[in-house]
Amino acid sequence: MAEIHLLSVGQVVFSKCGRDKGLPFIILQLEGEYAFLVDGRLRRLDNPKKKKLRHLQPVKHIDDNVKNSIDEGRHIEDADFKKALEPFKKE
């Protein structure tokens, strides 16, 4: 089970269940036992996916550009998330 201290804003995770099973996302926000996820395509910044932490498979990769933009409150776009997740997409 994923624990909150193992996850970070800007970290890449894969969904373990649901319609989005196997899809990569980036953590936008952590709140209690939930994470708000964005991928820039299906789940955009204006409508992030709320998912329980136990339903996430973390990857040991944090996109520094996305993380720094979120932490510093700088403007970030859906295209930034798409670009960051490109290496994790399955063809």
N, C-alpha and C. Protein backbone atom coordinates (compact mmCIF):
# COMPACT_ATOMS: atom_id res chain seq x y z
N MET A 1 0.85 -1.18 0.00
CA MET A 1 0.00 0.00 0.00
C MET A 1 0.89 1.24 0.00
N ALA A 2 0.57 2.20 -0.85
CA ALA A 2 1.33 3.44 -0.92
C ALA A 2 1.02 4.30 0.30
N GLU A 3 2.05 4.86 0.88
CA GLU A 3 1.85 5.74 2.02
C GLU A 3 2.21 7.16 1.61
N ILE A 4 1.62 8.13 2.27
CA ILE A 4 1.77 9.52 1.85
C ILE A 4 3.22 9.99 1.91
N HIS A 5 4.03 9.46 2.84
CA HIS A 5 5.41 9.92 2.92
C HIS A 5 6.26 9.38 1.77
N LEU A 6 5.75 8.41 1.02
CA LEU A 6 6.46 7.86 -0.13
C LEU A 6 6.10 8.61 -1.41
N LEU A 7 5.07 9.42 -1.38
CA LEU A 7 4.61 10.12 -2.56
C LEU A 7 4.88 11.62 -2.44
N SER A 8 5.02 12.26 -3.60
CA SER A 8 5.35 13.68 -3.61
C SER A 8 4.64 14.36 -4.77
N VAL A 9 4.36 15.64 -4.63
CA VAL A 9 3.81 16.42 -5.72
C VAL A 9 4.81 16.39 -6.87
N GLY A 10 4.31 16.17 -8.08
CA GLY A 10 5.18 16.09 -9.26
C GLY A 10 5.64 14.68 -9.58
N GLN A 11 5.30 13.71 -8.72
CA GLN A 11 5.73 12.33 -8.93
C GLN A 11 4.82 11.63 -9.94
N VAL A 12 5.40 10.78 -10.75
CA VAL A 12 4.65 9.97 -11.71
C VAL A 12 4.12 8.74 -10.99
N VAL A 13 2.86 8.43 -11.23
CA VAL A 13 2.21 7.24 -10.66
C VAL A 13 1.37 6.58 -11.75
N PHE A 14 1.11 5.30 -11.57
CA PHE A 14 0.20 4.57 -12.45
C PHE A 14 -1.03 4.17 -11.65
N SER A 15 -2.19 4.24 -12.30
CA SER A 15 -3.43 3.81 -11.67
C SER A 15 -3.47 2.29 -11.63
N LYS A 16 -3.83 1.72 -10.46
CA LYS A 16 -3.89 0.27 -10.32
C LYS A 16 -5.29 -0.30 -10.55
N CYS A 17 -6.32 0.55 -10.58
CA CYS A 17 -7.67 0.04 -10.79
C CYS A 17 -8.57 1.13 -11.35
N GLY A 18 -9.72 0.70 -11.82
CA GLY A 18 -10.68 1.63 -12.40
C GLY A 18 -10.56 1.71 -13.91
N ARG A 19 -11.31 2.60 -14.51
CA ARG A 19 -11.27 2.78 -15.97
C ARG A 19 -9.91 3.20 -16.46
N ASP A 20 -9.19 3.91 -15.61
CA ASP A 20 -7.89 4.44 -15.99
C ASP A 20 -6.73 3.50 -15.59
N LYS A 21 -7.03 2.23 -15.32
CA LYS A 21 -6.02 1.26 -14.90
C LYS A 21 -4.87 1.22 -15.90
N GLY A 22 -3.65 1.32 -15.36
CA GLY A 22 -2.46 1.24 -16.20
C GLY A 22 -2.01 2.54 -16.82
N LEU A 23 -2.77 3.60 -16.63
CA LEU A 23 -2.41 4.90 -17.22
C LEU A 23 -1.53 5.71 -16.27
N PRO A 24 -0.57 6.44 -16.83
CA PRO A 24 0.30 7.28 -16.00
C PRO A 24 -0.34 8.63 -15.68
N PHE A 25 -0.05 9.13 -14.51
CA PHE A 25 -0.52 10.44 -14.06
C PHE A 25 0.61 11.11 -13.28
N ILE A 26 0.46 12.40 -13.04
CA ILE A 26 1.37 13.14 -12.17
C ILE A 26 0.55 13.66 -11.00
N ILE A 27 1.11 13.56 -9.80
CA ILE A 27 0.42 14.03 -8.61
C ILE A 27 0.45 15.55 -8.58
N LEU A 28 -0.73 16.14 -8.55
CA LEU A 28 -0.88 17.59 -8.48
C LEU A 28 -0.96 18.05 -7.02
N GLN A 29 -1.63 17.23 -6.19
CA GLN A 29 -1.85 17.60 -4.80
C GLN A 29 -2.10 16.35 -3.97
N LEU A 30 -1.64 16.35 -2.74
CA LEU A 30 -1.91 15.27 -1.79
C LEU A 30 -2.77 15.82 -0.66
N GLU A 31 -3.82 15.07 -0.31
CA GLU A 31 -4.74 15.52 0.73
C GLU A 31 -5.25 14.29 1.49
N GLY A 32 -4.69 14.06 2.68
CA GLY A 32 -5.11 12.91 3.47
C GLY A 32 -4.77 11.62 2.76
N GLU A 33 -5.78 10.76 2.58
CA GLU A 33 -5.56 9.49 1.89
C GLU A 33 -5.84 9.57 0.39
N TYR A 34 -5.94 10.78 -0.13
CA TYR A 34 -6.23 10.99 -1.55
C TYR A 34 -5.12 11.77 -2.25
N ALA A 35 -5.01 11.52 -3.55
CA ALA A 35 -4.12 12.28 -4.41
C ALA A 35 -4.97 12.84 -5.55
N PHE A 36 -4.66 14.03 -5.99
CA PHE A 36 -5.31 14.63 -7.14
C PHE A 36 -4.34 14.51 -8.31
N LEU A 37 -4.80 13.84 -9.37
CA LEU A 37 -3.93 13.46 -10.47
C LEU A 37 -4.28 14.18 -11.76
N VAL A 38 -3.24 14.44 -12.56
CA VAL A 38 -3.41 15.12 -13.86
C VAL A 38 -2.55 14.39 -14.88
N ASP A 39 -3.07 14.29 -16.12
CA ASP A 39 -2.25 13.75 -17.20
C ASP A 39 -2.19 14.70 -18.40
N GLY A 40 -2.97 15.76 -18.37
CA GLY A 40 -2.95 16.73 -19.45
C GLY A 40 -3.85 16.38 -20.61
N ARG A 41 -4.38 15.16 -20.64
CA ARG A 41 -5.27 14.73 -21.72
C ARG A 41 -6.66 14.44 -21.17
N LEU A 42 -6.81 13.27 -20.55
CA LEU A 42 -8.11 12.90 -19.98
C LEU A 42 -8.41 13.69 -18.72
N ARG A 43 -7.39 13.90 -17.91
CA ARG A 43 -7.54 14.65 -16.67
C ARG A 43 -6.67 15.88 -16.74
N ARG A 44 -7.34 17.01 -16.88
CA ARG A 44 -6.65 18.29 -17.03
C ARG A 44 -6.58 19.02 -15.71
N LEU A 45 -5.85 20.12 -15.70
CA LEU A 45 -5.68 20.91 -14.49
C LEU A 45 -7.00 21.41 -13.91
N ASP A 46 -7.97 21.71 -14.77
CA ASP A 46 -9.24 22.23 -14.29
C ASP A 46 -10.17 21.15 -13.74
N ASN A 47 -9.79 19.86 -13.93
CA ASN A 47 -10.61 18.75 -13.44
C ASN A 47 -9.73 17.55 -13.07
N PRO A 48 -8.90 17.67 -12.03
CA PRO A 48 -8.02 16.56 -11.67
C PRO A 48 -8.79 15.36 -11.13
N LYS A 49 -8.20 14.18 -11.26
CA LYS A 49 -8.79 12.94 -10.77
C LYS A 49 -8.44 12.76 -9.30
N LYS A 50 -9.46 12.55 -8.46
CA LYS A 50 -9.25 12.28 -7.04
C LYS A 50 -9.21 10.76 -6.88
N LYS A 51 -8.09 10.26 -6.36
CA LYS A 51 -7.92 8.82 -6.25
C LYS A 51 -7.26 8.47 -4.92
N LYS A 52 -7.71 7.36 -4.32
CA LYS A 52 -7.11 6.91 -3.06
C LYS A 52 -5.66 6.48 -3.31
N LEU A 53 -4.82 6.73 -2.31
CA LEU A 53 -3.40 6.42 -2.43
C LEU A 53 -3.16 4.92 -2.64
N ARG A 54 -3.99 4.09 -2.05
CA ARG A 54 -3.79 2.65 -2.19
C ARG A 54 -4.06 2.15 -3.61
N HIS A 55 -4.69 2.98 -4.44
CA HIS A 55 -4.96 2.62 -5.82
C HIS A 55 -3.90 3.14 -6.78
N LEU A 56 -2.78 3.58 -6.25
CA LEU A 56 -1.70 4.13 -7.07
C LEU A 56 -0.45 3.29 -6.97
N GLN A 57 0.24 3.14 -8.09
CA GLN A 57 1.53 2.48 -8.14
C GLN A 57 2.58 3.56 -8.40
N PRO A 58 3.37 3.94 -7.38
CA PRO A 58 4.35 5.01 -7.59
C PRO A 58 5.52 4.58 -8.46
N VAL A 59 6.08 5.54 -9.16
CA VAL A 59 7.28 5.36 -9.96
C VAL A 59 8.35 6.24 -9.33
N LYS A 60 9.59 5.78 -9.34
CA LYS A 60 10.67 6.57 -8.75
C LYS A 60 11.12 7.66 -9.71
N HIS A 61 10.17 8.50 -10.10
CA HIS A 61 10.49 9.62 -11.00
C HIS A 61 9.62 10.81 -10.62
N ILE A 62 10.27 11.92 -10.36
CA ILE A 62 9.58 13.18 -10.10
C ILE A 62 10.03 14.16 -11.16
N ASP A 63 9.10 14.73 -11.91
CA ASP A 63 9.44 15.70 -12.94
C ASP A 63 9.75 17.03 -12.25
N ASP A 64 11.01 17.43 -12.32
CA ASP A 64 11.45 18.65 -11.62
C ASP A 64 10.77 19.90 -12.13
N ASN A 65 10.56 20.00 -13.43
CA ASN A 65 9.92 21.18 -14.01
C ASN A 65 8.50 21.34 -13.47
N VAL A 66 7.74 20.27 -13.50
CA VAL A 66 6.36 20.30 -13.01
C VAL A 66 6.34 20.55 -11.50
N LYS A 67 7.17 19.84 -10.75
CA LYS A 67 7.20 19.99 -9.29
C LYS A 67 7.54 21.42 -8.89
N ASN A 68 8.57 21.99 -9.50
CA ASN A 68 8.97 23.36 -9.16
C ASN A 68 7.89 24.37 -9.52
N SER A 69 7.23 24.17 -10.65
CA SER A 69 6.15 25.08 -11.05
C SER A 69 5.00 25.04 -10.07
N ILE A 70 4.63 23.84 -9.62
CA ILE A 70 3.54 23.70 -8.66
C ILE A 70 3.93 24.29 -7.31
N ASP A 71 5.12 23.93 -6.82
CA ASP A 71 5.57 24.40 -5.51
C ASP A 71 5.72 25.92 -5.45
N GLU A 72 6.18 26.53 -6.53
CA GLU A 72 6.41 27.97 -6.55
C GLU A 72 5.20 28.77 -7.02
N GLY A 73 4.13 28.06 -7.39
CA GLY A 73 2.92 28.74 -7.81
C GLY A 73 3.02 29.38 -9.19
N ARG A 74 4.00 28.93 -9.98
CA ARG A 74 4.15 29.45 -11.34
C ARG A 74 3.08 28.87 -12.25
N HIS A 75 2.85 29.58 -13.36
CA HIS A 75 1.87 29.13 -14.34
C HIS A 75 2.33 27.81 -14.97
N ILE A 76 1.43 26.86 -15.03
CA ILE A 76 1.71 25.56 -15.65
C ILE A 76 0.52 25.19 -16.50
N GLU A 77 0.77 24.49 -17.60
CA GLU A 77 -0.30 24.14 -18.54
C GLU A 77 -0.41 22.63 -18.68
N ASP A 78 -1.52 22.20 -19.26
CA ASP A 78 -1.73 20.77 -19.50
C ASP A 78 -0.63 20.20 -20.39
N ALA A 79 -0.12 20.98 -21.32
CA ALA A 79 0.94 20.52 -22.22
C ALA A 79 2.20 20.13 -21.45
N ASP A 80 2.46 20.79 -20.33
CA ASP A 80 3.63 20.44 -19.51
C ASP A 80 3.48 19.03 -18.92
N PHE A 81 2.27 18.67 -18.55
CA PHE A 81 2.02 17.33 -18.02
C PHE A 81 2.13 16.28 -19.13
N LYS A 82 1.58 16.59 -20.31
CA LYS A 82 1.68 15.68 -21.45
C LYS A 82 3.14 15.39 -21.78
N LYS A 83 3.94 16.44 -21.82
CA LYS A 83 5.37 16.29 -22.16
C LYS A 83 6.09 15.46 -21.10
N ALA A 84 5.79 15.69 -19.83
CA ALA A 84 6.45 14.97 -18.74
C ALA A 84 6.08 13.48 -18.75
N LEU A 85 4.87 13.15 -19.21
CA LEU A 85 4.42 11.75 -19.19
C LEU A 85 4.73 11.00 -20.48
N GLU A 86 5.26 11.68 -21.48
CA GLU A 86 5.54 11.06 -22.78
C GLU A 86 6.39 9.79 -22.67
N PRO A 87 7.45 9.75 -21.86
CA PRO A 87 8.24 8.52 -21.75
C PRO A 87 7.50 7.34 -21.10
N PHE A 88 6.39 7.60 -20.44
CA PHE A 88 5.65 6.56 -19.73
C PHE A 88 4.44 6.04 -20.50
N LYS A 89 4.14 6.63 -21.64
CA LYS A 89 2.99 6.22 -22.44
C LYS A 89 3.28 4.89 -23.13
N LYS A 90 2.28 4.03 -23.16
CA LYS A 90 2.39 2.75 -23.87
C LYS A 90 1.76 2.92 -25.24
N GLU A 91 2.40 2.41 -26.22
CA GLU A 91 1.87 2.51 -27.60
C GLU A 91 0.95 1.36 -27.91
